[in-house]
Amino acid sequence: MALPEHLLQVEALDLGVDVKAVGLELTDPDNGEPSRGAAAARVWAASLSSLAAPEPWALDFFSHLDRLRPYCREHFITFREAAQRCIVIPAPEHTPLAALLERFEGETFGARAGSRLVAGDTALEGGLASRGVDAYHHAFGNYHFCAVCDFENGFLTLLTAKLWASEVVRRLRHPLEKLGVDVARPE
Protein backbone atom coordinates (compact mmCIF):
# COMPACT_ATOMS: atom_id res chain seq x y z
CA MET A 1 0.00 0.00 0.00
CA ALA A 2 1.38 3.41 -1.00
CA LEU A 3 2.09 6.02 1.63
CA PRO A 4 -0.40 8.92 1.68
CA GLU A 5 0.61 12.14 -0.07
CA HIS A 6 -1.21 14.23 2.55
CA LEU A 7 -2.44 13.88 6.12
CA LEU A 8 -5.68 15.65 7.06
CA GLN A 9 -6.12 15.84 10.82
CA VAL A 10 -9.59 16.68 12.07
CA GLU A 11 -10.30 17.76 15.64
CA ALA A 12 -12.83 19.64 17.72
CA LEU A 13 -11.62 23.13 18.63
CA ASP A 14 -12.33 25.10 21.79
CA LEU A 15 -13.04 28.65 20.59
CA GLY A 16 -15.23 29.59 23.55
CA VAL A 17 -18.56 28.63 25.03
CA ASP A 18 -20.62 30.22 22.25
CA VAL A 19 -18.73 28.70 19.30
CA LYS A 20 -18.63 25.08 18.18
CA ALA A 21 -15.77 24.51 15.78
CA VAL A 22 -13.92 21.75 13.98
CA GLY A 23 -10.37 22.28 12.73
CA LEU A 24 -8.89 20.59 9.68
CA GLU A 25 -5.13 20.67 9.10
CA LEU A 26 -3.61 19.41 5.84
CA THR A 27 0.07 18.50 6.02
CA ASP A 28 2.79 16.60 4.23
CA PRO A 29 3.21 13.41 6.32
CA ASP A 30 6.95 13.32 5.62
CA ASN A 31 7.81 16.67 7.21
CA GLY A 32 4.64 17.94 8.95
CA GLU A 33 4.67 21.13 6.87
CA PRO A 34 1.41 22.55 5.47
CA SER A 35 0.47 21.06 2.08
CA ARG A 36 0.24 23.71 -0.62
CA GLY A 37 -0.08 23.98 -4.36
CA ALA A 38 -2.22 22.21 -6.93
CA ALA A 39 -2.50 18.87 -5.12
CA ALA A 40 -3.52 20.53 -1.84
CA ALA A 41 -6.04 22.72 -3.69
CA ARG A 42 -7.67 19.58 -5.12
CA VAL A 43 -7.94 18.18 -1.58
CA TRP A 44 -9.51 21.38 -0.25
CA ALA A 45 -11.93 21.53 -3.21
CA ALA A 46 -13.08 17.95 -2.59
CA SER A 47 -13.34 18.66 1.15
CA LEU A 48 -15.54 21.74 0.76
CA SER A 49 -17.86 19.98 -1.71
CA SER A 50 -18.14 16.85 0.45
CA LEU A 51 -18.73 18.75 3.68
CA ALA A 52 -21.41 20.96 2.15
CA ALA A 53 -23.37 18.20 0.39
CA PRO A 54 -26.30 18.27 -0.12
CA GLU A 55 -26.62 21.92 0.97
CA PRO A 56 -26.01 24.87 -1.35
CA TRP A 57 -22.64 26.45 -0.60
CA ALA A 58 -20.44 29.36 -1.62
CA LEU A 59 -17.08 31.01 -1.11
CA ASP A 60 -16.94 34.51 0.43
CA PHE A 61 -14.09 36.86 -0.51
CA PHE A 62 -13.67 40.24 1.17
CA SER A 63 -10.14 41.29 0.20
CA HIS A 64 -8.04 41.48 -2.97
CA LEU A 65 -11.25 41.77 -4.96
CA ASP A 66 -9.46 43.71 -7.70
CA ARG A 67 -7.53 40.51 -8.52
CA LEU A 68 -10.46 38.15 -7.93
CA ARG A 69 -12.93 39.77 -10.34
CA PRO A 70 -10.70 39.49 -13.45
CA TYR A 71 -9.66 35.95 -12.48
CA CYS A 72 -13.30 34.85 -12.25
CA ARG A 73 -14.22 36.54 -15.53
CA GLU A 74 -11.23 35.03 -17.34
CA HIS A 75 -12.07 31.54 -16.05
CA PHE A 76 -15.86 31.85 -16.48
CA ILE A 77 -16.52 31.48 -12.75
CA THR A 78 -19.87 32.89 -11.72
CA PHE A 79 -19.80 35.43 -8.88
CA ARG A 80 -21.94 38.16 -7.43
CA GLU A 81 -21.05 41.40 -5.74
CA ALA A 82 -22.44 41.48 -2.22
CA ALA A 83 -22.31 44.51 0.04
CA GLN A 84 -19.56 46.95 -0.92
CA ARG A 85 -16.51 44.77 -0.43
CA CYS A 86 -17.66 41.18 -0.62
CA ILE A 87 -17.80 38.75 -3.53
CA VAL A 88 -19.80 35.53 -3.25
CA ILE A 89 -18.90 32.64 -5.55
CA PRO A 90 -21.62 29.97 -5.60
CA ALA A 91 -20.29 26.37 -5.53
CA PRO A 92 -17.92 26.14 -8.48
CA GLU A 93 -17.34 22.80 -10.21
CA HIS A 94 -14.35 20.83 -8.88
CA THR A 95 -11.73 21.71 -11.54
CA PRO A 96 -12.29 25.49 -11.58
CA LEU A 97 -12.68 25.41 -7.78
CA ALA A 98 -9.31 23.71 -7.30
CA ALA A 99 -7.63 26.21 -9.65
CA LEU A 100 -9.29 29.12 -7.80
CA LEU A 101 -8.18 27.77 -4.41
CA GLU A 102 -4.64 27.30 -5.67
CA ARG A 103 -4.51 30.81 -7.14
CA PHE A 104 -5.79 32.44 -3.93
CA GLU A 105 -4.28 30.07 -1.33
CA GLY A 106 -2.27 32.97 0.12
CA GLU A 107 -5.49 34.82 1.04
CA THR A 108 -7.80 34.20 3.97
CA PHE A 109 -11.41 33.94 2.83
CA GLY A 110 -14.58 32.21 3.90
CA ALA A 111 -17.03 29.55 2.85
CA ARG A 112 -20.53 28.75 4.00
CA ALA A 113 -23.14 26.11 3.33
CA GLY A 114 -26.84 26.02 4.03
CA SER A 115 -30.25 26.86 2.67
CA ARG A 116 -29.92 30.43 3.96
CA LEU A 117 -27.70 31.10 0.94
CA VAL A 118 -30.65 30.74 -1.42
CA ALA A 119 -32.54 33.69 0.06
CA GLY A 120 -29.39 35.76 0.58
CA ASP A 121 -27.96 37.10 3.80
CA THR A 122 -27.26 40.80 3.40
CA ALA A 123 -26.48 41.24 7.10
CA LEU A 124 -23.75 38.60 7.04
CA GLU A 125 -22.38 39.78 3.70
CA GLY A 126 -22.20 43.35 5.01
CA GLY A 127 -20.40 42.05 8.08
CA LEU A 128 -17.92 40.13 5.92
CA ALA A 129 -17.22 43.32 3.96
CA SER A 130 -16.45 45.27 7.12
CA ARG A 131 -15.10 42.67 9.59
CA GLY A 132 -13.95 39.74 7.46
CA VAL A 133 -14.47 36.22 8.81
CA ASP A 134 -15.24 37.58 12.29
CA ALA A 135 -18.73 38.17 10.90
CA TYR A 136 -19.30 34.40 10.93
CA HIS A 137 -19.16 34.32 14.75
CA HIS A 138 -22.81 35.24 15.26
CA ALA A 139 -24.13 33.85 11.96
CA PHE A 140 -22.81 30.28 11.84
CA GLY A 141 -25.86 28.89 13.66
CA ASN A 142 -27.98 29.86 10.64
CA TYR A 143 -25.87 27.65 8.36
CA HIS A 144 -24.75 24.06 7.95
CA PHE A 145 -21.30 25.59 8.47
CA CYS A 146 -19.34 28.76 8.03
CA ALA A 147 -15.63 28.26 7.42
CA VAL A 148 -12.40 30.20 7.62
CA CYS A 149 -10.07 29.13 4.78
CA ASP A 150 -6.38 29.64 5.57
CA PHE A 151 -4.96 27.26 2.99
CA GLU A 152 -1.50 28.86 2.90
CA ASN A 153 -1.05 27.58 6.46
CA GLY A 154 -2.91 24.33 5.80
CA PHE A 155 -6.05 25.10 7.82
CA LEU A 156 -9.80 25.03 7.37
CA THR A 157 -11.81 25.98 10.46
CA LEU A 158 -15.48 25.05 10.44
CA LEU A 159 -17.85 26.99 12.67
CA THR A 160 -20.83 24.67 12.93
CA ALA A 161 -23.56 23.49 15.23
CA LYS A 162 -24.36 20.61 12.86
CA LEU A 163 -21.06 18.80 12.23
CA TRP A 164 -18.88 17.05 14.78
CA ALA A 165 -15.26 16.06 14.17
CA SER A 166 -16.28 12.40 13.80
CA GLU A 167 -18.89 13.33 11.15
CA VAL A 168 -16.31 15.41 9.27
CA VAL A 169 -13.94 12.42 9.22
CA ARG A 170 -16.76 10.15 8.01
CA ARG A 171 -17.74 12.54 5.20
CA LEU A 172 -14.17 13.08 4.01
CA ARG A 173 -12.49 9.70 4.37
CA HIS A 174 -13.81 8.08 1.17
CA PRO A 175 -13.60 11.04 -1.26
CA LEU A 176 -10.13 12.05 -0.05
CA GLU A 177 -8.75 8.52 -0.03
CA LYS A 178 -8.85 8.68 -3.85
CA LEU A 179 -6.57 11.74 -3.68
CA GLY A 180 -3.94 10.06 -1.52
CA VAL A 181 -5.08 11.64 1.74
CA ASP A 182 -5.10 9.92 5.12
CA VAL A 183 -7.97 11.46 7.13
CA ALA A 184 -7.58 10.96 10.88
CA ARG A 185 -8.19 12.37 14.33
CA PRO A 186 -4.99 13.45 16.16
CA GLU A 187 -3.63 10.91 18.61
C-alpha atoms as a PDB file:
ATOM      1  CA  MET A   1       0.000   0.000   0.000  1.00  0.00           C
ATOM      2  CA  ALA A   2       1.382   3.408  -1.000  1.00  0.00           C
ATOM      3  CA  LEU A   3       2.085   6.017   1.634  1.00  0.00           C
ATOM      4  CA  PRO A   4      -0.402   8.922   1.678  1.00  0.00           C
ATOM      5  CA  GLU A   5       0.614  12.144  -0.068  1.00  0.00           C
ATOM      6  CA  HIS A   6      -1.208  14.225   2.552  1.00  0.00           C
ATOM      7  CA  LEU A   7      -2.439  13.883   6.122  1.00  0.00           C
ATOM      8  CA  LEU A   8      -5.681  15.646   7.059  1.00  0.00           C
ATOM      9  CA  GLN A   9      -6.116  15.843  10.818  1.00  0.00           C
ATOM     10  CA  VAL A  10      -9.590  16.683  12.069  1.00  0.00           C
ATOM     11  CA  GLU A  11     -10.297  17.758  15.643  1.00  0.00           C
ATOM     12  CA  ALA A  12     -12.829  19.638  17.722  1.00  0.00           C
ATOM     13  CA  LEU A  13     -11.619  23.128  18.634  1.00  0.00           C
ATOM     14  CA  ASP A  14     -12.332  25.097  21.787  1.00  0.00           C
ATOM     15  CA  LEU A  15     -13.036  28.646  20.595  1.00  0.00           C
ATOM     16  CA  GLY A  16     -15.228  29.592  23.545  1.00  0.00           C
ATOM     17  CA  VAL A  17     -18.561  28.635  25.027  1.00  0.00           C
ATOM     18  CA  ASP A  18     -20.619  30.222  22.253  1.00  0.00           C
ATOM     19  CA  VAL A  19     -18.725  28.701  19.302  1.00  0.00           C
ATOM     20  CA  LYS A  20     -18.625  25.078  18.185  1.00  0.00           C
ATOM     21  CA  ALA A  21     -15.772  24.507  15.779  1.00  0.00           C
ATOM     22  CA  VAL A  22     -13.916  21.747  13.980  1.00  0.00           C
ATOM     23  CA  GLY A  23     -10.375  22.277  12.733  1.00  0.00           C
ATOM     24  CA  LEU A  24      -8.886  20.595   9.680  1.00  0.00           C
ATOM     25  CA  GLU A  25      -5.130  20.673   9.098  1.00  0.00           C
ATOM     26  CA  LEU A  26      -3.613  19.408   5.835  1.00  0.00           C
ATOM     27  CA  THR A  27       0.067  18.504   6.021  1.00  0.00           C
ATOM     28  CA  ASP A  28       2.793  16.597   4.231  1.00  0.00           C
ATOM     29  CA  PRO A  29       3.205  13.407   6.320  1.00  0.00           C
ATOM     30  CA  ASP A  30       6.954  13.323   5.623  1.00  0.00           C
ATOM     31  CA  ASN A  31       7.809  16.669   7.214  1.00  0.00           C
ATOM     32  CA  GLY A  32       4.644  17.935   8.949  1.00  0.00           C
ATOM     33  CA  GLU A  33       4.670  21.134   6.866  1.00  0.00           C
ATOM     34  CA  PRO A  34       1.406  22.547   5.466  1.00  0.00           C
ATOM     35  CA  SER A  35       0.473  21.062   2.081  1.00  0.00           C
ATOM     36  CA  ARG A  36       0.240  23.710  -0.622  1.00  0.00           C
ATOM     37  CA  GLY A  37      -0.083  23.982  -4.364  1.00  0.00           C
ATOM     38  CA  ALA A  38      -2.221  22.205  -6.931  1.00  0.00           C
ATOM     39  CA  ALA A  39      -2.498  18.865  -5.117  1.00  0.00           C
ATOM     40  CA  ALA A  40      -3.522  20.533  -1.844  1.00  0.00           C
ATOM     41  CA  ALA A  41      -6.044  22.721  -3.693  1.00  0.00           C
ATOM     42  CA  ARG A  42      -7.671  19.579  -5.124  1.00  0.00           C
ATOM     43  CA  VAL A  43      -7.941  18.181  -1.580  1.00  0.00           C
ATOM     44  CA  TRP A  44      -9.514  21.382  -0.249  1.00  0.00           C
ATOM     45  CA  ALA A  45     -11.927  21.526  -3.213  1.00  0.00           C
ATOM     46  CA  ALA A  46     -13.082  17.955  -2.586  1.00  0.00           C
ATOM     47  CA  SER A  47     -13.337  18.663   1.150  1.00  0.00           C
ATOM     48  CA  LEU A  48     -15.535  21.740   0.760  1.00  0.00           C
ATOM     49  CA  SER A  49     -17.857  19.982  -1.706  1.00  0.00           C
ATOM     50  CA  SER A  50     -18.135  16.854   0.454  1.00  0.00           C
ATOM     51  CA  LEU A  51     -18.733  18.749   3.682  1.00  0.00           C
ATOM     52  CA  ALA A  52     -21.411  20.957   2.147  1.00  0.00           C
ATOM     53  CA  ALA A  53     -23.368  18.198   0.389  1.00  0.00           C
ATOM     54  CA  PRO A  54     -26.301  18.269  -0.120  1.00  0.00           C
ATOM     55  CA  GLU A  55     -26.622  21.920   0.970  1.00  0.00           C
ATOM     56  CA  PRO A  56     -26.013  24.872  -1.353  1.00  0.00           C
ATOM     57  CA  TRP A  57     -22.642  26.452  -0.598  1.00  0.00           C
ATOM     58  CA  ALA A  58     -20.443  29.365  -1.625  1.00  0.00           C
ATOM     59  CA  LEU A  59     -17.075  31.014  -1.106  1.00  0.00           C
ATOM     60  CA  ASP A  60     -16.936  34.507   0.428  1.00  0.00           C
ATOM     61  CA  PHE A  61     -14.087  36.857  -0.511  1.00  0.00           C
ATOM     62  CA  PHE A  62     -13.667  40.239   1.168  1.00  0.00           C
ATOM     63  CA  SER A  63     -10.138  41.294   0.197  1.00  0.00           C
ATOM     64  CA  HIS A  64      -8.040  41.476  -2.967  1.00  0.00           C
ATOM     65  CA  LEU A  65     -11.249  41.773  -4.956  1.00  0.00           C
ATOM     66  CA  ASP A  66      -9.456  43.714  -7.697  1.00  0.00           C
ATOM     67  CA  ARG A  67      -7.527  40.505  -8.515  1.00  0.00           C
ATOM     68  CA  LEU A  68     -10.461  38.149  -7.930  1.00  0.00           C
ATOM     69  CA  ARG A  69     -12.928  39.774 -10.344  1.00  0.00           C
ATOM     70  CA  PRO A  70     -10.703  39.489 -13.445  1.00  0.00           C
ATOM     71  CA  TYR A  71      -9.660  35.951 -12.483  1.00  0.00           C
ATOM     72  CA  CYS A  72     -13.302  34.853 -12.251  1.00  0.00           C
ATOM     73  CA  ARG A  73     -14.216  36.540 -15.534  1.00  0.00           C
ATOM     74  CA  GLU A  74     -11.231  35.034 -17.344  1.00  0.00           C
ATOM     75  CA  HIS A  75     -12.066  31.542 -16.053  1.00  0.00           C
ATOM     76  CA  PHE A  76     -15.858  31.851 -16.480  1.00  0.00           C
ATOM     77  CA  ILE A  77     -16.515  31.483 -12.754  1.00  0.00           C
ATOM     78  CA  THR A  78     -19.875  32.893 -11.719  1.00  0.00           C
ATOM     79  CA  PHE A  79     -19.796  35.425  -8.885  1.00  0.00           C
ATOM     80  CA  ARG A  80     -21.939  38.161  -7.433  1.00  0.00           C
ATOM     81  CA  GLU A  81     -21.046  41.401  -5.740  1.00  0.00           C
ATOM     82  CA  ALA A  82     -22.441  41.481  -2.219  1.00  0.00           C
ATOM     83  CA  ALA A  83     -22.306  44.509   0.041  1.00  0.00           C
ATOM     84  CA  GLN A  84     -19.561  46.951  -0.922  1.00  0.00           C
ATOM     85  CA  ARG A  85     -16.507  44.765  -0.435  1.00  0.00           C
ATOM     86  CA  CYS A  86     -17.656  41.182  -0.623  1.00  0.00           C
ATOM     87  CA  ILE A  87     -17.798  38.746  -3.527  1.00  0.00           C
ATOM     88  CA  VAL A  88     -19.797  35.534  -3.254  1.00  0.00           C
ATOM     89  CA  ILE A  89     -18.897  32.637  -5.551  1.00  0.00           C
ATOM     90  CA  PRO A  90     -21.618  29.972  -5.598  1.00  0.00           C
ATOM     91  CA  ALA A  91     -20.289  26.368  -5.530  1.00  0.00           C
ATOM     92  CA  PRO A  92     -17.917  26.138  -8.484  1.00  0.00           C
ATOM     93  CA  GLU A  93     -17.337  22.803 -10.212  1.00  0.00           C
ATOM     94  CA  HIS A  94     -14.346  20.827  -8.882  1.00  0.00           C
ATOM     95  CA  THR A  95     -11.734  21.706 -11.541  1.00  0.00           C
ATOM     96  CA  PRO A  96     -12.286  25.491 -11.577  1.00  0.00           C
ATOM     97  CA  LEU A  97     -12.680  25.410  -7.783  1.00  0.00           C
ATOM     98  CA  ALA A  98      -9.308  23.710  -7.302  1.00  0.00           C
ATOM     99  CA  ALA A  99      -7.634  26.208  -9.645  1.00  0.00           C
ATOM    100  CA  LEU A 100      -9.286  29.124  -7.802  1.00  0.00           C
ATOM    101  CA  LEU A 101      -8.182  27.769  -4.411  1.00  0.00           C
ATOM    102  CA  GLU A 102      -4.638  27.301  -5.667  1.00  0.00           C
ATOM    103  CA  ARG A 103      -4.507  30.813  -7.140  1.00  0.00           C
ATOM    104  CA  PHE A 104      -5.786  32.437  -3.929  1.00  0.00           C
ATOM    105  CA  GLU A 105      -4.280  30.068  -1.332  1.00  0.00           C
ATOM    106  CA  GLY A 106      -2.268  32.971   0.119  1.00  0.00           C
ATOM    107  CA  GLU A 107      -5.490  34.816   1.037  1.00  0.00           C
ATOM    108  CA  THR A 108      -7.802  34.203   3.970  1.00  0.00           C
ATOM    109  CA  PHE A 109     -11.407  33.942   2.834  1.00  0.00           C
ATOM    110  CA  GLY A 110     -14.582  32.212   3.902  1.00  0.00           C
ATOM    111  CA  ALA A 111     -17.034  29.551   2.855  1.00  0.00           C
ATOM    112  CA  ARG A 112     -20.534  28.755   3.997  1.00  0.00           C
ATOM    113  CA  ALA A 113     -23.139  26.109   3.331  1.00  0.00           C
ATOM    114  CA  GLY A 114     -26.840  26.022   4.030  1.00  0.00           C
ATOM    115  CA  SER A 115     -30.248  26.859   2.672  1.00  0.00           C
ATOM    116  CA  ARG A 116     -29.919  30.434   3.960  1.00  0.00           C
ATOM    117  CA  LEU A 117     -27.696  31.099   0.938  1.00  0.00           C
ATOM    118  CA  VAL A 118     -30.649  30.741  -1.424  1.00  0.00           C
ATOM    119  CA  ALA A 119     -32.537  33.691   0.058  1.00  0.00           C
ATOM    120  CA  GLY A 120     -29.392  35.756   0.577  1.00  0.00           C
ATOM    121  CA  ASP A 121     -27.962  37.096   3.797  1.00  0.00           C
ATOM    122  CA  THR A 122     -27.263  40.804   3.401  1.00  0.00           C
ATOM    123  CA  ALA A 123     -26.482  41.242   7.099  1.00  0.00           C
ATOM    124  CA  LEU A 124     -23.750  38.597   7.043  1.00  0.00           C
ATOM    125  CA  GLU A 125     -22.376  39.776   3.698  1.00  0.00           C
ATOM    126  CA  GLY A 126     -22.198  43.350   5.006  1.00  0.00           C
ATOM    127  CA  GLY A 127     -20.395  42.051   8.079  1.00  0.00           C
ATOM    128  CA  LEU A 128     -17.919  40.132   5.922  1.00  0.00           C
ATOM    129  CA  ALA A 129     -17.222  43.319   3.962  1.00  0.00           C
ATOM    130  CA  SER A 130     -16.453  45.273   7.125  1.00  0.00           C
ATOM    131  CA  ARG A 131     -15.097  42.670   9.590  1.00  0.00           C
ATOM    132  CA  GLY A 132     -13.953  39.735   7.460  1.00  0.00           C
ATOM    133  CA  VAL A 133     -14.465  36.224   8.811  1.00  0.00           C
ATOM    134  CA  ASP A 134     -15.237  37.582  12.291  1.00  0.00           C
ATOM    135  CA  ALA A 135     -18.733  38.169  10.903  1.00  0.00           C
ATOM    136  CA  TYR A 136     -19.299  34.399  10.927  1.00  0.00           C
ATOM    137  CA  HIS A 137     -19.160  34.321  14.747  1.00  0.00           C
ATOM    138  CA  HIS A 138     -22.807  35.243  15.259  1.00  0.00           C
ATOM    139  CA  ALA A 139     -24.127  33.848  11.961  1.00  0.00           C
ATOM    140  CA  PHE A 140     -22.806  30.276  11.844  1.00  0.00           C
ATOM    141  CA  GLY A 141     -25.859  28.885  13.659  1.00  0.00           C
ATOM    142  CA  ASN A 142     -27.977  29.856  10.639  1.00  0.00           C
ATOM    143  CA  TYR A 143     -25.868  27.650   8.360  1.00  0.00           C
ATOM    144  CA  HIS A 144     -24.746  24.060   7.955  1.00  0.00           C
ATOM    145  CA  PHE A 145     -21.301  25.589   8.468  1.00  0.00           C
ATOM    146  CA  CYS A 146     -19.336  28.763   8.028  1.00  0.00           C
ATOM    147  CA  ALA A 147     -15.632  28.262   7.421  1.00  0.00           C
ATOM    148  CA  VAL A 148     -12.400  30.196   7.615  1.00  0.00           C
ATOM    149  CA  CYS A 149     -10.074  29.134   4.783  1.00  0.00           C
ATOM    150  CA  ASP A 150      -6.382  29.643   5.565  1.00  0.00           C
ATOM    151  CA  PHE A 151      -4.958  27.263   2.987  1.00  0.00           C
ATOM    152  CA  GLU A 152      -1.504  28.862   2.905  1.00  0.00           C
ATOM    153  CA  ASN A 153      -1.047  27.584   6.456  1.00  0.00           C
ATOM    154  CA  GLY A 154      -2.911  24.334   5.796  1.00  0.00           C
ATOM    155  CA  PHE A 155      -6.052  25.103   7.820  1.00  0.00           C
ATOM    156  CA  LEU A 156      -9.799  25.035   7.373  1.00  0.00           C
ATOM    157  CA  THR A 157     -11.806  25.984  10.461  1.00  0.00           C
ATOM    158  CA  LEU A 158     -15.478  25.053  10.441  1.00  0.00           C
ATOM    159  CA  LEU A 159     -17.852  26.987  12.672  1.00  0.00           C
ATOM    160  CA  THR A 160     -20.832  24.669  12.925  1.00  0.00           C
ATOM    161  CA  ALA A 161     -23.562  23.488  15.225  1.00  0.00           C
ATOM    162  CA  LYS A 162     -24.358  20.609  12.863  1.00  0.00           C
ATOM    163  CA  LEU A 163     -21.057  18.798  12.228  1.00  0.00           C
ATOM    164  CA  TRP A 164     -18.881  17.049  14.777  1.00  0.00           C
ATOM    165  CA  ALA A 165     -15.262  16.055  14.174  1.00  0.00           C
ATOM    166  CA  SER A 166     -16.275  12.398  13.796  1.00  0.00           C
ATOM    167  CA  GLU A 167     -18.886  13.335  11.149  1.00  0.00           C
ATOM    168  CA  VAL A 168     -16.306  15.411   9.271  1.00  0.00           C
ATOM    169  CA  VAL A 169     -13.940  12.419   9.215  1.00  0.00           C
ATOM    170  CA  ARG A 170     -16.763  10.154   8.007  1.00  0.00           C
ATOM    171  CA  ARG A 171     -17.736  12.544   5.198  1.00  0.00           C
ATOM    172  CA  LEU A 172     -14.173  13.079   4.007  1.00  0.00           C
ATOM    173  CA  ARG A 173     -12.487   9.703   4.370  1.00  0.00           C
ATOM    174  CA  HIS A 174     -13.806   8.082   1.173  1.00  0.00           C
ATOM    175  CA  PRO A 175     -13.598  11.043  -1.264  1.00  0.00           C
ATOM    176  CA  LEU A 176     -10.128  12.051  -0.048  1.00  0.00           C
ATOM    177  CA  GLU A 177      -8.747   8.515  -0.026  1.00  0.00           C
ATOM    178  CA  LYS A 178      -8.850   8.681  -3.845  1.00  0.00           C
ATOM    179  CA  LEU A 179      -6.574  11.742  -3.685  1.00  0.00           C
ATOM    180  CA  GLY A 180      -3.938  10.063  -1.519  1.00  0.00           C
ATOM    181  CA  VAL A 181      -5.080  11.643   1.741  1.00  0.00           C
ATOM    182  CA  ASP A 182      -5.102   9.918   5.124  1.00  0.00           C
ATOM    183  CA  VAL A 183      -7.971  11.461   7.133  1.00  0.00           C
ATOM    184  CA  ALA A 184      -7.578  10.960  10.877  1.00  0.00           C
ATOM    185  CA  ARG A 185      -8.190  12.368  14.333  1.00  0.00           C
ATOM    186  CA  PRO A 186      -4.992  13.448  16.164  1.00  0.00           C
ATOM    187  CA  GLU A 187      -3.634  10.906  18.613  1.00  0.00           C
END
